[in-house]
Protein backbone atom coordinates (compact mmCIF):
# COMPACT_ATOMS: atom_id res chain seq x y z
CA MET A 1 89.29 162.88 125.42
CA CYS A 2 88.88 164.02 129.02
CA ASP A 3 91.97 162.12 130.15
CA LYS A 4 94.30 164.85 128.83
CA ASP A 5 94.20 168.62 128.86
CA HIS A 6 93.95 169.50 125.17
CA PHE A 7 92.20 172.81 125.70
CA ALA A 8 95.30 175.03 125.61
CA GLU A 9 96.49 173.64 122.29
CA SER A 10 92.95 173.75 120.91
CA VAL A 11 92.55 177.41 121.86
CA THR A 12 95.74 178.32 120.02
CA GLU A 13 94.77 176.34 116.91
CA TYR A 14 91.15 177.43 116.73
CA GLU A 15 91.86 181.07 117.48
CA ALA A 16 94.34 181.10 114.60
CA ARG A 17 91.66 179.67 112.33
CA GLY A 18 89.10 182.22 113.49
CA LEU A 19 86.84 179.55 115.01
CA VAL A 20 87.11 180.86 118.56
CA THR A 21 88.12 184.26 119.87
CA ARG A 22 89.48 185.59 123.14
CA ARG A 23 86.39 187.79 123.37
CA GLN A 24 84.28 184.68 123.69
CA PHE A 25 85.84 183.67 126.98
CA GLY A 26 87.85 186.63 128.27
CA VAL A 27 85.34 187.76 130.90
CA LEU A 28 82.97 184.81 130.86
CA LEU A 29 84.42 183.16 133.91
CA ALA A 30 83.98 186.21 136.09
CA ALA A 31 80.37 186.44 134.92
CA GLY A 32 79.77 182.82 135.86
CA ALA A 33 78.57 182.11 132.32
CA ALA A 34 75.26 183.78 133.15
CA MET A 35 73.48 185.82 130.50
CA LEU A 36 75.89 184.55 127.87
CA LEU A 37 73.64 182.27 125.89
CA PRO A 38 71.39 183.69 123.19
CA ALA A 39 67.94 184.43 124.57
CA SER A 40 64.82 182.77 123.23
CA ALA A 41 61.97 185.13 122.46
CA ASP A 42 59.33 182.56 123.46
CA ALA A 43 61.06 181.13 126.54
CA GLN A 44 58.72 179.96 129.28
CA ALA A 45 58.97 181.19 132.85
CA THR A 46 60.91 178.74 134.99
CA THR A 47 61.32 177.77 138.62
CA GLU A 48 64.62 176.45 139.94
CA ARG A 49 66.00 174.92 143.09
CA GLU A 50 69.03 173.07 144.42
CA VAL A 51 68.17 169.51 145.45
CA GLU A 52 69.79 166.54 147.15
CA ILE A 53 69.10 163.02 145.93
CA LYS A 54 69.83 159.88 147.95
CA THR A 55 71.66 157.22 145.95
CA PRO A 56 73.07 153.80 146.90
CA ASP A 57 76.48 155.49 147.24
CA GLY A 58 75.58 158.67 149.12
CA THR A 59 73.83 161.97 148.47
CA CYS A 60 74.05 163.71 145.11
CA ASP A 61 73.65 167.47 144.92
CA ALA A 62 71.86 168.62 141.80
CA TYR A 63 70.05 171.50 140.13
CA PHE A 64 66.38 171.08 139.18
CA VAL A 65 64.66 173.61 136.92
CA HIS A 66 61.29 173.38 135.19
CA PRO A 67 58.51 175.45 133.64
CA THR A 68 56.70 177.35 136.38
CA THR A 69 53.33 175.87 135.42
CA GLY A 70 52.30 172.42 134.26
CA ALA A 71 54.14 169.12 133.95
CA ALA A 72 56.75 168.58 131.25
CA ALA A 73 58.91 165.83 129.82
CA ALA A 74 61.96 165.21 131.98
CA VAL A 75 65.59 165.57 130.90
CA LEU A 76 68.68 164.36 132.77
CA VAL A 77 71.91 166.24 132.06
CA TRP A 78 75.38 164.81 132.69
CA PRO A 79 77.98 167.63 132.84
CA ASP A 80 81.45 167.51 131.36
CA ILE A 81 84.68 166.95 133.31
CA PHE A 82 84.26 170.34 135.02
CA GLY A 83 81.06 169.23 136.73
CA LEU A 84 78.02 171.07 138.03
CA ARG A 85 78.71 174.81 137.85
CA PRO A 86 77.06 178.10 136.74
CA ALA A 87 77.51 177.35 133.03
CA MET A 88 75.68 174.02 133.34
CA ARG A 89 72.93 175.58 135.41
CA THR A 90 72.51 178.27 132.75
CA MET A 91 72.23 175.62 130.03
CA GLY A 92 69.75 173.64 132.11
CA LYS A 93 67.63 176.71 132.73
CA ARG A 94 67.61 177.53 129.04
CA LEU A 95 66.33 174.04 128.25
CA ALA A 96 63.64 174.35 130.90
CA GLY A 97 62.54 177.56 129.19
CA SER A 98 61.94 175.45 126.09
CA GLY A 99 59.44 173.33 128.00
CA TYR A 100 61.34 170.60 129.87
CA SER A 101 61.83 169.63 133.51
CA VAL A 102 65.62 169.42 133.76
CA LEU A 103 67.89 167.80 136.33
CA VAL A 104 71.60 168.67 136.13
CA VAL A 105 73.62 166.51 138.51
CA ASN A 106 76.99 166.63 140.21
CA PRO A 107 78.59 163.44 138.86
CA PHE A 108 81.41 163.73 141.40
CA TYR A 109 79.23 163.61 144.52
CA ARG A 110 81.08 160.54 145.82
CA THR A 111 84.26 162.56 146.24
CA GLY A 112 82.94 166.08 146.82
CA LYS A 113 81.67 169.27 145.26
CA PRO A 114 84.47 170.62 143.08
CA THR A 115 84.61 174.34 142.39
CA ALA A 116 85.62 174.51 138.76
CA THR A 117 85.06 176.37 135.52
CA GLY A 118 85.62 175.43 131.92
CA ALA A 119 89.16 176.81 132.26
CA THR A 120 90.22 174.56 135.14
CA PRO A 121 93.12 172.27 134.13
CA ILE A 122 91.87 168.75 133.41
CA LYS A 123 94.47 167.20 135.71
CA GLU A 124 92.90 169.00 138.68
CA MET A 125 89.58 167.30 137.97
CA MET A 126 90.69 163.71 137.50
CA ALA A 127 90.82 162.88 141.21
CA PHE A 128 87.11 163.63 141.50
CA ARG A 129 86.36 160.71 139.17
CA LYS A 130 87.49 158.21 141.79
CA GLY A 131 84.85 155.54 142.31
CA MET A 132 83.04 156.24 139.03
CA SER A 133 82.46 153.44 136.51
CA PRO A 134 79.88 152.27 133.98
CA ALA A 135 78.21 150.39 136.85
CA THR A 136 77.89 153.54 138.97
CA ASP A 137 76.64 155.47 135.92
CA MET A 138 73.81 152.96 135.53
CA SER A 139 73.02 152.85 139.23
CA ASP A 140 72.88 156.64 139.40
CA ALA A 141 70.81 156.80 136.23
CA LYS A 142 68.13 154.56 137.72
CA THR A 143 68.03 156.71 140.84
CA PHE A 144 67.91 160.01 139.00
CA VAL A 145 65.20 158.94 136.56
CA ALA A 146 63.12 157.54 139.44
CA TRP A 147 63.57 160.86 141.29
CA LEU A 148 62.41 162.78 138.24
CA ASP A 149 59.38 160.55 137.82
CA ALA A 150 58.40 161.29 141.42
CA GLN A 151 58.24 165.06 140.79
CA PRO A 152 54.86 166.67 140.08
CA GLN A 153 56.52 168.89 137.45
CA VAL A 154 57.31 165.80 135.33
CA ASN A 155 54.86 164.35 132.84
CA LYS A 156 55.35 160.62 133.33
CA ASN A 157 53.34 159.83 130.20
CA ARG A 158 56.20 161.20 128.11
CA LYS A 159 59.61 159.62 127.60
CA VAL A 160 62.70 161.00 129.35
CA GLY A 161 65.62 162.60 127.53
CA VAL A 162 69.27 162.42 128.56
CA HIS A 163 72.31 164.22 127.23
CA GLY A 164 75.86 164.80 128.28
CA TYR A 165 79.05 166.68 127.44
CA CYS A 166 82.57 165.25 127.29
CA MET A 167 82.57 162.36 129.81
CA GLY A 168 78.81 162.86 130.04
CA GLY A 169 78.44 161.39 126.55
CA PRO A 170 79.07 157.76 127.51
CA MET A 171 77.23 158.35 130.79
CA SER A 172 74.18 159.26 128.71
CA PHE A 173 74.56 156.06 126.70
CA HIS A 174 74.80 154.13 129.97
CA THR A 175 71.62 155.84 131.16
CA ALA A 176 69.73 154.61 128.11
CA SER A 177 70.94 151.09 128.83
CA ALA A 178 70.04 151.30 132.53
CA VAL A 179 66.49 152.62 132.04
CA PRO A 180 65.55 151.55 128.50
CA ASP A 181 61.81 151.69 129.09
CA ARG A 182 61.92 155.38 130.10
CA ILE A 183 64.61 156.90 127.91
CA GLY A 184 63.33 158.11 124.55
CA ALA A 185 66.19 160.33 123.38
CA VAL A 186 69.95 160.41 123.97
CA ALA A 187 72.47 163.07 122.95
CA SER A 188 76.24 163.27 123.27
CA PHE A 189 78.21 166.47 122.66
CA HIS A 190 81.98 166.06 122.21
CA GLY A 191 81.66 162.84 124.17
CA GLY A 192 84.74 160.70 124.70
CA GLY A 193 84.74 156.92 124.85
CA LEU A 194 81.44 156.23 123.13
CA VAL A 195 83.19 153.43 121.27
CA ASN A 196 85.37 151.61 123.79
CA ASP A 197 87.55 149.05 122.07
CA ASN A 198 88.52 147.46 125.38
CA ALA A 199 84.98 146.96 126.70
CA GLY A 200 83.74 144.42 124.17
CA ALA A 201 79.97 143.97 124.36
CA ASN A 202 79.91 146.51 127.20
CA SER A 203 81.09 149.39 125.02
CA PRO A 204 78.68 152.30 125.52
CA HIS A 205 77.62 152.32 121.87
CA LEU A 206 76.62 148.64 121.96
CA LEU A 207 74.75 148.98 125.24
CA ALA A 208 72.86 151.99 123.89
CA ALA A 209 72.05 150.24 120.62
CA ALA A 210 70.08 147.63 122.56
CA THR A 211 67.52 150.30 123.53
CA LYS A 212 64.69 151.91 121.56
CA ALA A 213 65.86 155.50 121.91
CA SER A 214 66.69 158.08 119.25
CA PHE A 215 70.24 159.45 119.20
CA LEU A 216 72.16 162.63 118.45
CA VAL A 217 75.96 162.38 118.44
CA ALA A 218 77.88 165.63 117.89
CA ILE A 219 81.59 164.92 117.49
CA ALA A 220 84.39 167.44 117.87
CA GLU A 221 86.67 167.90 114.88
CA ASN A 222 89.84 167.12 116.84
CA ASP A 223 88.24 164.05 118.45
CA ASP A 224 87.38 162.80 114.99
CA LYS A 225 90.97 163.24 113.88
CA GLN A 226 92.15 161.06 116.75
CA ARG A 227 89.50 158.37 116.23
CA PRO A 228 88.23 158.74 112.66
CA ASN A 229 86.48 155.35 112.61
CA ASP A 230 84.18 156.03 115.56
CA LYS A 231 81.59 157.91 113.52
CA THR A 232 81.36 155.01 111.05
CA VAL A 233 81.10 152.44 113.85
CA LEU A 234 78.34 154.46 115.50
CA LYS A 235 76.42 154.88 112.26
CA ASP A 236 76.70 151.22 111.33
CA THR A 237 75.72 150.09 114.81
CA PHE A 238 72.63 152.27 115.01
CA ASP A 239 71.63 151.45 111.44
CA LYS A 240 71.87 147.75 112.21
CA ALA A 241 69.71 148.27 115.30
CA ARG A 242 67.25 150.31 113.20
CA LEU A 243 67.50 153.26 115.55
CA ALA A 244 67.17 156.88 114.49
CA ALA A 245 70.59 158.48 114.88
CA GLU A 246 72.05 161.79 113.73
CA ILE A 247 75.84 161.64 113.77
CA GLU A 248 77.85 164.68 112.74
CA VAL A 249 81.40 165.98 113.03
CA TYR A 250 81.37 169.68 113.97
CA GLN A 251 84.02 172.18 112.92
CA ALA A 252 84.80 172.90 116.54
CA ALA A 253 87.15 171.73 119.29
CA HIS A 254 86.41 169.27 122.06
CA GLY A 255 84.48 171.24 124.69
CA TRP A 256 82.85 173.72 122.31
CA CYS A 257 79.33 173.69 123.79
CA PRO A 258 79.47 175.03 127.39
CA PRO A 259 79.89 178.82 127.32
CA ASP A 260 82.63 178.90 129.95
CA THR A 261 85.19 176.71 128.18
CA LEU A 262 88.22 178.17 126.46
CA VAL A 263 87.10 176.70 123.13
CA TYR A 264 83.45 177.75 123.29
CA ASN A 265 82.24 178.23 119.72
CA GLU A 266 78.91 180.02 119.67
CA PRO A 267 77.82 179.22 116.09
CA ALA A 268 78.64 175.52 116.49
CA ALA A 269 77.13 175.44 119.98
CA GLU A 270 73.92 177.01 118.70
CA ARG A 271 73.68 174.46 115.91
CA ALA A 272 74.16 171.66 118.43
CA TRP A 273 71.51 173.27 120.64
CA SER A 274 69.02 173.48 117.78
CA ARG A 275 69.59 169.82 116.94
CA LEU A 276 69.04 168.88 120.59
CA LEU A 277 65.71 170.72 120.62
CA ALA A 278 64.73 168.98 117.37
CA LEU A 279 65.59 165.57 118.88
CA TYR A 280 63.63 166.20 122.07
CA GLY A 281 60.75 167.82 120.23
CA LYS A 282 60.23 164.66 118.22
CA ALA A 283 61.27 161.85 120.57
CA LEU A 284 59.77 163.20 123.80
CA ALA A 285 56.48 164.44 122.38
């Protein structure tokens, strides 16, 4: 659903229904989405740094954050259409505080480093997707997972997790397909294009089903209305492959998880967050 800007209409609809409020995003952008996520009482101390990773197509800028001591299971995060920004760094840091070594990448590195927020019009972001494809997703995934495995803060005896938002959903599925021996858990939050009717056997859901990972698929309510059969296709596909998969439609709009979007829904986002921690806690142990 990242090919059109549905956020304005979603804000109007969901505000009227009391599922999102202007307070939730009125001053968030100026704050850079920092300090906006609920704090965890038992969060670990973390260390963070900006990194550059050489890929076959250039140099990707990324954010790496991990527990200050010890080695932890690695997690690769694919951002939504708005890319690597303060909100995504905040979410990555929060996950690191739960005991993971987290890499959040700039998926648009081939075309630049966009300066965007969750309120940037979608049409302004589409040009940055030039040169991206399932093939580049898989190539990048191999590079990023190899980079993570080379870090002393990563426990290479544990499987790697990957999750993404919006366009990052299918990119996470592609990651599982590209590095099936390393990926143990995959999550998609309001991901678009997980079931691609035009891709045949190369549809992300079929590629992912050929792995041995566990899955969490959180679907936006308005995405489900547009493609009501996707959840059934996903469930049937993963059941047939005998893969653990939690598939749920959330009462929230596309884009509800990052705290800087206009449709951020804290209760739904926190539920999605808790399910992500449950997935990683089991599959990456």
